[in-house]
């Protein structure tokens, strides 16, 4: 004898209700954080222009006379949502820009997930 056994119809109904609750939660979360709702965000195309790359001097190591420190910090930001996708460090400005460009290529190809 099974307690709380559900029929296939009840299971389908329950999973549909669960999916609706999840979508509603994501919509309310986006609204509370001041972001674009998920349904509008899905309509925005994922292109290279959607992401901005910033390479700045790493303030923690500025002024040091060493060349071994990671002197540049790069950040890839989704301009549609304003969410930083990744922040990392590099030895040179060109190296930071190259790593950020490679990360954007991974986002576009689907190897990395957009936050």
C-alpha atoms as a PDB file:
ATOM      1  CA  UNK A   1       0.000   0.000   0.000  1.00  0.00           C
ATOM      2  CA  UNK A   2       1.436   3.366  -1.029  1.00  0.00           C
ATOM      3  CA  UNK A   3       0.763   6.453   0.957  1.00  0.00           C
ATOM      4  CA  UNK A   4       0.472   9.676  -1.032  1.00  0.00           C
ATOM      5  CA  UNK A   5       0.668   7.956  -4.412  1.00  0.00           C
ATOM      6  CA  UNK A   6      -0.189  10.274  -7.302  1.00  0.00           C
ATOM      7  CA  UNK A   7      -1.751   9.380 -10.577  1.00  0.00           C
ATOM      8  CA  UNK A   8       0.042  10.447 -13.804  1.00  0.00           C
ATOM      9  CA  UNK A   9      -2.532  13.223 -14.261  1.00  0.00           C
ATOM     10  CA  UNK A  10      -1.865  14.566 -10.769  1.00  0.00           C
ATOM     11  CA  UNK A  11       1.899  14.435 -11.379  1.00  0.00           C
ATOM     12  CA  UNK A  12       1.552  16.417 -14.619  1.00  0.00           C
ATOM     13  CA  UNK A  13      -0.712  18.949 -12.937  1.00  0.00           C
ATOM     14  CA  UNK A  14       1.713  19.303 -10.027  1.00  0.00           C
ATOM     15  CA  UNK A  15       4.776  19.820 -12.261  1.00  0.00           C
ATOM     16  CA  UNK A  16       2.911  22.403 -14.373  1.00  0.00           C
ATOM     17  CA  UNK A  17       1.958  24.304 -11.231  1.00  0.00           C
ATOM     18  CA  UNK A  18       5.560  24.106  -9.994  1.00  0.00           C
ATOM     19  CA  UNK A  19       6.844  25.525 -13.313  1.00  0.00           C
ATOM     20  CA  UNK A  20       4.349  28.398 -13.107  1.00  0.00           C
ATOM     21  CA  UNK A  21       5.515  29.233  -9.582  1.00  0.00           C
ATOM     22  CA  UNK A  22       9.149  29.231 -10.727  1.00  0.00           C
ATOM     23  CA  UNK A  23       8.422  31.635 -13.602  1.00  0.00           C
ATOM     24  CA  UNK A  24       6.462  33.931 -11.283  1.00  0.00           C
ATOM     25  CA  UNK A  25       9.319  33.896  -8.748  1.00  0.00           C
ATOM     26  CA  UNK A  26      11.879  34.806 -11.441  1.00  0.00           C
ATOM     27  CA  UNK A  27       9.659  37.656 -12.666  1.00  0.00           C
ATOM     28  CA  UNK A  28       9.228  39.074  -9.155  1.00  0.00           C
ATOM     29  CA  UNK A  29      12.951  38.715  -8.424  1.00  0.00           C
ATOM     30  CA  UNK A  30      13.877  40.599 -11.615  1.00  0.00           C
ATOM     31  CA  UNK A  31      11.356  43.321 -10.789  1.00  0.00           C
ATOM     32  CA  UNK A  32      12.659  43.693  -7.218  1.00  0.00           C
ATOM     33  CA  UNK A  33      16.270  43.978  -8.401  1.00  0.00           C
ATOM     34  CA  UNK A  34      15.347  46.482 -11.104  1.00  0.00           C
ATOM     35  CA  UNK A  35      16.329  44.138 -13.932  1.00  0.00           C
ATOM     36  CA  UNK A  36      14.674  43.317 -17.223  1.00  0.00           C
ATOM     37  CA  UNK A  37      12.000  40.585 -16.848  1.00  0.00           C
ATOM     38  CA  UNK A  38      13.050  37.141 -18.186  1.00  0.00           C
ATOM     39  CA  UNK A  39      10.536  37.157 -21.043  1.00  0.00           C
ATOM     40  CA  UNK A  40      11.846  40.524 -22.303  1.00  0.00           C
ATOM     41  CA  UNK A  41      15.449  39.442 -21.780  1.00  0.00           C
ATOM     42  CA  UNK A  42      14.893  36.371 -23.964  1.00  0.00           C
ATOM     43  CA  UNK A  43      13.883  38.665 -26.832  1.00  0.00           C
ATOM     44  CA  UNK A  44      17.223  40.546 -26.731  1.00  0.00           C
ATOM     45  CA  UNK A  45      19.703  38.916 -29.146  1.00  0.00           C
ATOM     46  CA  UNK A  46      22.985  37.612 -27.737  1.00  0.00           C
ATOM     47  CA  UNK A  47      25.635  39.381 -29.814  1.00  0.00           C
ATOM     48  CA  UNK A  48      29.146  40.644 -29.203  1.00  0.00           C
ATOM     49  CA  UNK A  49      27.799  44.203 -28.839  1.00  0.00           C
ATOM     50  CA  UNK A  50      25.718  43.153 -25.837  1.00  0.00           C
ATOM     51  CA  UNK A  51      28.843  42.714 -23.696  1.00  0.00           C
ATOM     52  CA  UNK A  52      31.244  45.447 -22.632  1.00  0.00           C
ATOM     53  CA  UNK A  53      34.901  44.808 -21.800  1.00  0.00           C
ATOM     54  CA  UNK A  54      36.701  46.999 -19.270  1.00  0.00           C
ATOM     55  CA  UNK A  55      40.410  46.670 -18.527  1.00  0.00           C
ATOM     56  CA  UNK A  56      41.634  48.847 -15.649  1.00  0.00           C
ATOM     57  CA  UNK A  57      44.728  49.058 -13.508  1.00  0.00           C
ATOM     58  CA  UNK A  58      44.522  46.850 -10.447  1.00  0.00           C
ATOM     59  CA  UNK A  59      44.478  49.369  -7.590  1.00  0.00           C
ATOM     60  CA  UNK A  60      45.773  46.792  -5.087  1.00  0.00           C
ATOM     61  CA  UNK A  61      49.117  46.551  -6.917  1.00  0.00           C
ATOM     62  CA  UNK A  62      49.437  50.090  -8.308  1.00  0.00           C
ATOM     63  CA  UNK A  63      52.649  51.875  -7.409  1.00  0.00           C
ATOM     64  CA  UNK A  64      54.581  48.680  -6.749  1.00  0.00           C
ATOM     65  CA  UNK A  65      57.926  48.341  -8.480  1.00  0.00           C
ATOM     66  CA  UNK A  66      57.392  44.668  -9.275  1.00  0.00           C
ATOM     67  CA  UNK A  67      56.510  43.350 -12.705  1.00  0.00           C
ATOM     68  CA  UNK A  68      55.368  39.945 -11.446  1.00  0.00           C
ATOM     69  CA  UNK A  69      52.142  41.228  -9.903  1.00  0.00           C
ATOM     70  CA  UNK A  70      48.876  41.034 -11.792  1.00  0.00           C
ATOM     71  CA  UNK A  71      48.595  44.700 -12.626  1.00  0.00           C
ATOM     72  CA  UNK A  72      45.410  44.795 -14.715  1.00  0.00           C
ATOM     73  CA  UNK A  73      41.849  43.818 -13.859  1.00  0.00           C
ATOM     74  CA  UNK A  74      39.356  42.996 -16.611  1.00  0.00           C
ATOM     75  CA  UNK A  75      35.581  42.765 -16.375  1.00  0.00           C
ATOM     76  CA  UNK A  76      32.992  41.543 -18.887  1.00  0.00           C
ATOM     77  CA  UNK A  77      29.555  43.082 -18.253  1.00  0.00           C
ATOM     78  CA  UNK A  78      26.196  42.294 -19.853  1.00  0.00           C
ATOM     79  CA  UNK A  79      24.946  45.742 -20.910  1.00  0.00           C
ATOM     80  CA  UNK A  80      21.331  44.559 -21.211  1.00  0.00           C
ATOM     81  CA  UNK A  81      21.115  43.635 -17.526  1.00  0.00           C
ATOM     82  CA  UNK A  82      24.146  45.374 -16.030  1.00  0.00           C
ATOM     83  CA  UNK A  83      25.318  42.111 -14.475  1.00  0.00           C
ATOM     84  CA  UNK A  84      29.088  41.489 -14.464  1.00  0.00           C
ATOM     85  CA  UNK A  85      29.735  38.139 -16.128  1.00  0.00           C
ATOM     86  CA  UNK A  86      33.354  37.691 -15.048  1.00  0.00           C
ATOM     87  CA  UNK A  87      36.154  39.646 -13.402  1.00  0.00           C
ATOM     88  CA  UNK A  88      39.743  38.463 -13.483  1.00  0.00           C
ATOM     89  CA  UNK A  89      43.338  39.685 -13.527  1.00  0.00           C
ATOM     90  CA  UNK A  90      46.122  39.803 -16.118  1.00  0.00           C
ATOM     91  CA  UNK A  91      49.788  40.780 -16.361  1.00  0.00           C
ATOM     92  CA  UNK A  92      49.342  43.234 -19.259  1.00  0.00           C
ATOM     93  CA  UNK A  93      46.593  45.436 -20.660  1.00  0.00           C
ATOM     94  CA  UNK A  94      46.626  43.558 -23.983  1.00  0.00           C
ATOM     95  CA  UNK A  95      46.542  40.207 -22.166  1.00  0.00           C
ATOM     96  CA  UNK A  96      43.522  41.283 -20.152  1.00  0.00           C
ATOM     97  CA  UNK A  97      41.684  42.449 -23.252  1.00  0.00           C
ATOM     98  CA  UNK A  98      42.539  39.180 -25.035  1.00  0.00           C
ATOM     99  CA  UNK A  99      41.272  37.030 -22.136  1.00  0.00           C
ATOM    100  CA  UNK A 100      38.063  39.075 -21.903  1.00  0.00           C
ATOM    101  CA  UNK A 101      37.478  38.725 -25.652  1.00  0.00           C
ATOM    102  CA  UNK A 102      37.971  34.955 -25.414  1.00  0.00           C
ATOM    103  CA  UNK A 103      35.463  34.825 -22.546  1.00  0.00           C
ATOM    104  CA  UNK A 104      32.892  36.742 -24.634  1.00  0.00           C
ATOM    105  CA  UNK A 105      33.442  34.220 -27.442  1.00  0.00           C
ATOM    106  CA  UNK A 106      32.695  31.404 -24.977  1.00  0.00           C
ATOM    107  CA  UNK A 107      29.491  33.181 -23.904  1.00  0.00           C
ATOM    108  CA  UNK A 108      28.406  33.552 -27.539  1.00  0.00           C
ATOM    109  CA  UNK A 109      29.163  29.919 -28.380  1.00  0.00           C
ATOM    110  CA  UNK A 110      27.237  28.629 -25.365  1.00  0.00           C
ATOM    111  CA  UNK A 111      30.221  27.090 -23.562  1.00  0.00           C
ATOM    112  CA  UNK A 112      29.641  29.509 -20.683  1.00  0.00           C
ATOM    113  CA  UNK A 113      26.260  30.434 -19.259  1.00  0.00           C
ATOM    114  CA  UNK A 114      25.082  34.053 -19.120  1.00  0.00           C
ATOM    115  CA  UNK A 115      24.345  35.061 -15.516  1.00  0.00           C
END
